[in-house]
Amino acid sequence: MQTVLRTPALALPASLTRRPLRVRVTAWMRLGLARRRERQYLAEMEPRMLRDIGIGPHDAKKEARKFWWEI
């Protein structure tokens, strides 16, 4: 199991904390863009699909409105 460091704006695997800044920033941006894509998919889901994964429409909209850097 991999340890994850969590701060309000950053969540990187512990193995990346000792890497050069360029590598850490790149990893952080990739994680953020992946979050953005997932939130976009969530915003596009139909209510039936949201029920299947146990999320209400209000919660899905709330999550989809977050910025890409927010956890």
PDB file of N, CA and C in Angstrom:
ATOM      1  N   MET A   1       0.834  -1.176   0.000  1.00  0.00           N
ATOM      2  CA  MET A   1       0.000   0.000   0.000  1.00  0.00           C
ATOM      3  C   MET A   1       0.882   1.243   0.000  1.00  0.00           C
ATOM      4  N   GLN A   2       0.531   2.204  -0.824  1.00  0.00           N
ATOM      5  CA  GLN A   2       1.350   3.392  -0.978  1.00  0.00           C
ATOM      6  C   GLN A   2       0.808   4.513  -0.091  1.00  0.00           C
ATOM      7  N   THR A   3       1.685   5.194   0.602  1.00  0.00           N
ATOM      8  CA  THR A   3       1.305   6.314   1.453  1.00  0.00           C
ATOM      9  C   THR A   3       1.067   7.542   0.584  1.00  0.00           C
ATOM     10  N   VAL A   4       0.016   8.291   0.898  1.00  0.00           N
ATOM     11  CA  VAL A   4      -0.292   9.500   0.153  1.00  0.00           C
ATOM     12  C   VAL A   4      -0.267  10.672   1.117  1.00  0.00           C
ATOM     13  N   LEU A   5       0.450  11.731   0.742  1.00  0.00           N
ATOM     14  CA  LEU A   5       0.463  12.951   1.530  1.00  0.00           C
ATOM     15  C   LEU A   5      -0.689  13.825   1.075  1.00  0.00           C
ATOM     16  N   ARG A   6      -1.492  14.285   2.017  1.00  0.00           N
ATOM     17  CA  ARG A   6      -2.643  15.106   1.646  1.00  0.00           C
ATOM     18  C   ARG A   6      -2.542  16.495   2.254  1.00  0.00           C
ATOM     19  N   THR A   7      -2.647  17.478   1.398  1.00  0.00           N
ATOM     20  CA  THR A   7      -2.762  18.863   1.807  1.00  0.00           C
ATOM     21  C   THR A   7      -3.925  19.435   1.017  1.00  0.00           C
ATOM     22  N   PRO A   8      -4.438  20.606   1.361  1.00  0.00           N
ATOM     23  CA  PRO A   8      -5.596  21.135   0.641  1.00  0.00           C
ATOM     24  C   PRO A   8      -5.418  21.229  -0.871  1.00  0.00           C
ATOM     25  N   ALA A   9      -4.221  21.458  -1.350  1.00  0.00           N
ATOM     26  CA  ALA A   9      -4.043  21.655  -2.781  1.00  0.00           C
ATOM     27  C   ALA A   9      -3.188  20.595  -3.460  1.00  0.00           C
ATOM     28  N   LEU A  10      -2.744  19.598  -2.733  1.00  0.00           N
ATOM     29  CA  LEU A  10      -1.804  18.656  -3.321  1.00  0.00           C
ATOM     30  C   LEU A  10      -1.964  17.276  -2.701  1.00  0.00           C
ATOM     31  N   ALA A  11      -1.963  16.246  -3.526  1.00  0.00           N
ATOM     32  CA  ALA A  11      -1.986  14.881  -3.029  1.00  0.00           C
ATOM     33  C   ALA A  11      -1.072  14.059  -3.928  1.00  0.00           C
ATOM     34  N   LEU A  12       0.140  13.863  -3.488  1.00  0.00           N
ATOM     35  CA  LEU A  12       1.111  13.105  -4.260  1.00  0.00           C
ATOM     36  C   LEU A  12       1.535  11.870  -3.487  1.00  0.00           C
ATOM     37  N   PRO A  13       1.817  10.775  -4.184  1.00  0.00           N
ATOM     38  CA  PRO A  13       2.366   9.603  -3.496  1.00  0.00           C
ATOM     39  C   PRO A  13       3.668   9.973  -2.795  1.00  0.00           C
ATOM     40  N   ALA A  14       3.909   9.370  -1.662  1.00  0.00           N
ATOM     41  CA  ALA A  14       5.108   9.666  -0.876  1.00  0.00           C
ATOM     42  C   ALA A  14       6.390   9.430  -1.672  1.00  0.00           C
ATOM     43  N   SER A  15       6.363   8.504  -2.628  1.00  0.00           N
ATOM     44  CA  SER A  15       7.557   8.217  -3.419  1.00  0.00           C
ATOM     45  C   SER A  15       7.983   9.410  -4.280  1.00  0.00           C
ATOM     46  N   LEU A  16       7.066  10.340  -4.539  1.00  0.00           N
ATOM     47  CA  LEU A  16       7.401  11.507  -5.358  1.00  0.00           C
ATOM     48  C   LEU A  16       7.945  12.673  -4.548  1.00  0.00           C
ATOM     49  N   THR A  17       7.859  12.619  -3.237  1.00  0.00           N
ATOM     50  CA  THR A  17       8.268  13.761  -2.431  1.00  0.00           C
ATOM     51  C   THR A  17       9.775  14.008  -2.454  1.00  0.00           C
ATOM     52  N   ARG A  18      10.554  13.018  -2.821  1.00  0.00           N
ATOM     53  CA  ARG A  18      12.004  13.175  -2.867  1.00  0.00           C
ATOM     54  C   ARG A  18      12.517  13.439  -4.285  1.00  0.00           C
ATOM     55  N   ARG A  19      11.613  13.592  -5.214  1.00  0.00           N
ATOM     56  CA  ARG A  19      11.988  13.828  -6.614  1.00  0.00           C
ATOM     57  C   ARG A  19      12.252  15.302  -6.866  1.00  0.00           C
ATOM     58  N   PRO A  20      12.901  15.618  -7.992  1.00  0.00           N
ATOM     59  CA  PRO A  20      13.124  17.029  -8.339  1.00  0.00           C
ATOM     60  C   PRO A  20      11.794  17.775  -8.493  1.00  0.00           C
ATOM     61  N   LEU A  21      11.835  19.057  -8.293  1.00  0.00           N
ATOM     62  CA  LEU A  21      10.633  19.892  -8.353  1.00  0.00           C
ATOM     63  C   LEU A  21       9.890  19.725  -9.676  1.00  0.00           C
ATOM     64  N   ARG A  22      10.621  19.675 -10.767  1.00  0.00           N
ATOM     65  CA  ARG A  22      10.000  19.528 -12.094  1.00  0.00           C
ATOM     66  C   ARG A  22       9.143  18.270 -12.167  1.00  0.00           C
ATOM     67  N   VAL A  23       9.630  17.177 -11.616  1.00  0.00           N
ATOM     68  CA  VAL A  23       8.905  15.907 -11.627  1.00  0.00           C
ATOM     69  C   VAL A  23       7.667  16.006 -10.749  1.00  0.00           C
ATOM     70  N   ARG A  24       7.807  16.628  -9.577  1.00  0.00           N
ATOM     71  CA  ARG A  24       6.667  16.769  -8.664  1.00  0.00           C
ATOM     72  C   ARG A  24       5.571  17.648  -9.252  1.00  0.00           C
ATOM     73  N   VAL A  25       5.967  18.747  -9.892  1.00  0.00           N
ATOM     74  CA  VAL A  25       4.977  19.645 -10.496  1.00  0.00           C
ATOM     75  C   VAL A  25       4.261  18.946 -11.642  1.00  0.00           C
ATOM     76  N   THR A  26       4.995  18.221 -12.454  1.00  0.00           N
ATOM     77  CA  THR A  26       4.384  17.481 -13.558  1.00  0.00           C
ATOM     78  C   THR A  26       3.386  16.440 -13.032  1.00  0.00           C
ATOM     79  N   ALA A  27       3.762  15.708 -12.003  1.00  0.00           N
ATOM     80  CA  ALA A  27       2.864  14.711 -11.414  1.00  0.00           C
ATOM     81  C   ALA A  27       1.625  15.376 -10.837  1.00  0.00           C
ATOM     82  N   TRP A  28       1.801  16.516 -10.165  1.00  0.00           N
ATOM     83  CA  TRP A  28       0.685  17.239  -9.578  1.00  0.00           C
ATOM     84  C   TRP A  28      -0.292  17.710 -10.655  1.00  0.00           C
ATOM     85  N   MET A  29       0.244  18.196 -11.773  1.00  0.00           N
ATOM     86  CA  MET A  29      -0.614  18.665 -12.866  1.00  0.00           C
ATOM     87  C   MET A  29      -1.356  17.506 -13.522  1.00  0.00           C
ATOM     88  N   ARG A  30      -0.689  16.375 -13.673  1.00  0.00           N
ATOM     89  CA  ARG A  30      -1.363  15.214 -14.246  1.00  0.00           C
ATOM     90  C   ARG A  30      -2.497  14.738 -13.359  1.00  0.00           C
ATOM     91  N   LEU A  31      -2.267  14.716 -12.048  1.00  0.00           N
ATOM     92  CA  LEU A  31      -3.330  14.337 -11.117  1.00  0.00           C
ATOM     93  C   LEU A  31      -4.496  15.320 -11.198  1.00  0.00           C
ATOM     94  N   GLY A  32      -4.183  16.589 -11.278  1.00  0.00           N
ATOM     95  CA  GLY A  32      -5.223  17.610 -11.373  1.00  0.00           C
ATOM     96  C   GLY A  32      -6.036  17.490 -12.641  1.00  0.00           C
ATOM     97  N   LEU A  33      -5.366  17.244 -13.749  1.00  0.00           N
ATOM     98  CA  LEU A  33      -6.086  17.100 -15.017  1.00  0.00           C
ATOM     99  C   LEU A  33      -6.929  15.831 -15.048  1.00  0.00           C
ATOM    100  N   ALA A  34      -6.452  14.776 -14.397  1.00  0.00           N
ATOM    101  CA  ALA A  34      -7.258  13.550 -14.290  1.00  0.00           C
ATOM    102  C   ALA A  34      -8.517  13.827 -13.466  1.00  0.00           C
ATOM    103  N   ARG A  35      -8.365  14.591 -12.368  1.00  0.00           N
ATOM    104  CA  ARG A  35      -9.533  14.974 -11.559  1.00  0.00           C
ATOM    105  C   ARG A  35     -10.526  15.772 -12.403  1.00  0.00           C
ATOM    106  N   ARG A  36      -9.995  16.684 -13.209  1.00  0.00           N
ATOM    107  CA  ARG A  36     -10.859  17.509 -14.065  1.00  0.00           C
ATOM    108  C   ARG A  36     -11.663  16.648 -15.033  1.00  0.00           C
ATOM    109  N   ARG A  37     -10.996  15.684 -15.660  1.00  0.00           N
ATOM    110  CA  ARG A  37     -11.684  14.776 -16.586  1.00  0.00           C
ATOM    111  C   ARG A  37     -12.774  13.986 -15.880  1.00  0.00           C
ATOM    112  N   GLU A  38     -12.448  13.442 -14.698  1.00  0.00           N
ATOM    113  CA  GLU A  38     -13.427  12.655 -13.951  1.00  0.00           C
ATOM    114  C   GLU A  38     -14.625  13.503 -13.544  1.00  0.00           C
ATOM    115  N   ARG A  39     -14.372  14.736 -13.159  1.00  0.00           N
ATOM    116  CA  ARG A  39     -15.471  15.625 -12.773  1.00  0.00           C
ATOM    117  C   ARG A  39     -16.321  15.987 -13.979  1.00  0.00           C
ATOM    118  N   GLN A  40     -15.687  16.119 -15.128  1.00  0.00           N
ATOM    119  CA  GLN A  40     -16.437  16.392 -16.361  1.00  0.00           C
ATOM    120  C   GLN A  40     -17.368  15.215 -16.673  1.00  0.00           C
ATOM    121  N   TYR A  41     -16.854  13.998 -16.559  1.00  0.00           N
ATOM    122  CA  TYR A  41     -17.681  12.811 -16.786  1.00  0.00           C
ATOM    123  C   TYR A  41     -18.832  12.757 -15.788  1.00  0.00           C
ATOM    124  N   LEU A  42     -18.559  13.091 -14.550  1.00  0.00           N
ATOM    125  CA  LEU A  42     -19.579  13.089 -13.512  1.00  0.00           C
ATOM    126  C   LEU A  42     -20.684  14.089 -13.847  1.00  0.00           C
ATOM    127  N   ALA A  43     -20.308  15.253 -14.336  1.00  0.00           N
ATOM    128  CA  ALA A  43     -21.286  16.289 -14.690  1.00  0.00           C
ATOM    129  C   ALA A  43     -22.172  15.849 -15.857  1.00  0.00           C
ATOM    130  N   GLU A  44     -21.660  14.993 -16.713  1.00  0.00           N
ATOM    131  CA  GLU A  44     -22.403  14.558 -17.891  1.00  0.00           C
ATOM    132  C   GLU A  44     -23.274  13.331 -17.645  1.00  0.00           C
ATOM    133  N   MET A  45     -23.144  12.698 -16.487  1.00  0.00           N
ATOM    134  CA  MET A  45     -23.901  11.478 -16.197  1.00  0.00           C
ATOM    135  C   MET A  45     -25.388  11.753 -15.991  1.00  0.00           C
ATOM    136  N   GLU A  46     -26.196  10.807 -16.415  1.00  0.00           N
ATOM    137  CA  GLU A  46     -27.642  10.881 -16.211  1.00  0.00           C
ATOM    138  C   GLU A  46     -27.964  10.511 -14.763  1.00  0.00           C
ATOM    139  N   PRO A  47     -29.112  10.970 -14.237  1.00  0.00           N
ATOM    140  CA  PRO A  47     -29.491  10.643 -12.860  1.00  0.00           C
ATOM    141  C   PRO A  47     -29.507   9.139 -12.566  1.00  0.00           C
ATOM    142  N   ARG A  48     -29.915   8.345 -13.541  1.00  0.00           N
ATOM    143  CA  ARG A  48     -29.935   6.890 -13.365  1.00  0.00           C
ATOM    144  C   ARG A  48     -28.526   6.353 -13.119  1.00  0.00           C
ATOM    145  N   MET A  49     -27.574   6.863 -13.872  1.00  0.00           N
ATOM    146  CA  MET A  49     -26.188   6.421 -13.714  1.00  0.00           C
ATOM    147  C   MET A  49     -25.614   6.871 -12.375  1.00  0.00           C
ATOM    148  N   LEU A  50     -25.977   8.079 -11.958  1.00  0.00           N
ATOM    149  CA  LEU A  50     -25.516   8.573 -10.666  1.00  0.00           C
ATOM    150  C   LEU A  50     -26.052   7.707  -9.526  1.00  0.00           C
ATOM    151  N   ARG A  51     -27.314   7.289  -9.631  1.00  0.00           N
ATOM    152  CA  ARG A  51     -27.900   6.410  -8.611  1.00  0.00           C
ATOM    153  C   ARG A  51     -27.148   5.088  -8.550  1.00  0.00           C
ATOM    154  N   ASP A  52     -26.725   4.594  -9.696  1.00  0.00           N
ATOM    155  CA  ASP A  52     -25.981   3.326  -9.738  1.00  0.00           C
ATOM    156  C   ASP A  52     -24.673   3.393  -8.955  1.00  0.00           C
ATOM    157  N   ILE A  53     -24.046   4.558  -8.930  1.00  0.00           N
ATOM    158  CA  ILE A  53     -22.787   4.685  -8.192  1.00  0.00           C
ATOM    159  C   ILE A  53     -22.987   5.303  -6.804  1.00  0.00           C
ATOM    160  N   GLY A  54     -24.258   5.551  -6.447  1.00  0.00           N
ATOM    161  CA  GLY A  54     -24.567   6.011  -5.093  1.00  0.00           C
ATOM    162  C   GLY A  54     -24.359   7.490  -4.852  1.00  0.00           C
ATOM    163  N   ILE A  55     -24.497   8.297  -5.892  1.00  0.00           N
ATOM    164  CA  ILE A  55     -24.331   9.744  -5.771  1.00  0.00           C
ATOM    165  C   ILE A  55     -25.607  10.421  -6.247  1.00  0.00           C
ATOM    166  N   GLY A  56     -26.043  11.422  -5.511  1.00  0.00           N
ATOM    167  CA  GLY A  56     -27.211  12.194  -5.916  1.00  0.00           C
ATOM    168  C   GLY A  56     -26.829  13.281  -6.901  1.00  0.00           C
ATOM    169  N   PRO A  57     -27.802  13.790  -7.654  1.00  0.00           N
ATOM    170  CA  PRO A  57     -27.512  14.853  -8.632  1.00  0.00           C
ATOM    171  C   PRO A  57     -26.909  16.108  -7.990  1.00  0.00           C
ATOM    172  N   HIS A  58     -27.376  16.467  -6.796  1.00  0.00           N
ATOM    173  CA  HIS A  58     -26.835  17.647  -6.106  1.00  0.00           C
ATOM    174  C   HIS A  58     -25.351  17.445  -5.777  1.00  0.00           C
ATOM    175  N   ASP A  59     -25.005  16.268  -5.264  1.00  0.00           N
ATOM    176  CA  ASP A  59     -23.604  15.977  -4.930  1.00  0.00           C
ATOM    177  C   ASP A  59     -22.722  15.959  -6.173  1.00  0.00           C
ATOM    178  N   ALA A  60     -23.259  15.429  -7.268  1.00  0.00           N
ATOM    179  CA  ALA A  60     -22.493  15.382  -8.513  1.00  0.00           C
ATOM    180  C   ALA A  60     -22.213  16.795  -9.029  1.00  0.00           C
ATOM    181  N   LYS A  61     -23.209  17.669  -8.971  1.00  0.00           N
ATOM    182  CA  LYS A  61     -23.007  19.049  -9.420  1.00  0.00           C
ATOM    183  C   LYS A  61     -22.013  19.774  -8.524  1.00  0.00           C
ATOM    184  N   LYS A  62     -22.113  19.526  -7.226  1.00  0.00           N
ATOM    185  CA  LYS A  62     -21.195  20.159  -6.275  1.00  0.00           C
ATOM    186  C   LYS A  62     -19.749  19.742  -6.567  1.00  0.00           C
ATOM    187  N   GLU A  63     -19.545  18.450  -6.817  1.00  0.00           N
ATOM    188  CA  GLU A  63     -18.203  17.936  -7.120  1.00  0.00           C
ATOM    189  C   GLU A  63     -17.716  18.467  -8.474  1.00  0.00           C
ATOM    190  N   ALA A  64     -18.596  18.530  -9.460  1.00  0.00           N
ATOM    191  CA  ALA A  64     -18.215  18.973 -10.803  1.00  0.00           C
ATOM    192  C   ALA A  64     -17.825  20.450 -10.833  1.00  0.00           C
ATOM    193  N   ARG A  65     -18.322  21.243  -9.892  1.00  0.00           N
ATOM    194  CA  ARG A  65     -18.002  22.675  -9.861  1.00  0.00           C
ATOM    195  C   ARG A  65     -16.625  22.964  -9.260  1.00  0.00           C
ATOM    196  N   LYS A  66     -16.005  21.975  -8.646  1.00  0.00           N
ATOM    197  CA  LYS A  66     -14.687  22.204  -8.041  1.00  0.00           C
ATOM    198  C   LYS A  66     -13.641  22.459  -9.121  1.00  0.00           C
ATOM    199  N   PHE A  67     -12.645  23.248  -8.758  1.00  0.00           N
ATOM    200  CA  PHE A  67     -11.534  23.496  -9.671  1.00  0.00           C
ATOM    201  C   PHE A  67     -10.641  22.259  -9.735  1.00  0.00           C
ATOM    202  N   TRP A  68      -9.825  22.161 -10.777  1.00  0.00           N
ATOM    203  CA  TRP A  68      -9.015  20.956 -10.992  1.00  0.00           C
ATOM    204  C   TRP A  68      -7.986  20.733  -9.895  1.00  0.00           C
ATOM    205  N   TRP A  69      -7.562  21.772  -9.212  1.00  0.00           N
ATOM    206  CA  TRP A  69      -6.546  21.614  -8.175  1.00  0.00           C
ATOM    207  C   TRP A  69      -7.140  21.276  -6.811  1.00  0.00           C
ATOM    208  N   GLU A  70      -8.466  21.319  -6.676  1.00  0.00           N
ATOM    209  CA  GLU A  70      -9.109  20.994  -5.403  1.00  0.00           C
ATOM    210  C   GLU A  70      -9.297  19.494  -5.257  1.00  0.00           C
ATOM    211  N   ILE A  71      -9.110  19.029  -4.039  1.00  0.00           N
ATOM    212  CA  ILE A  71      -9.288  17.599  -3.765  1.00  0.00           C
ATOM    213  C   ILE A  71     -10.717  17.344  -3.360  1.00  0.00           C
TER     214      ILE A  71
END
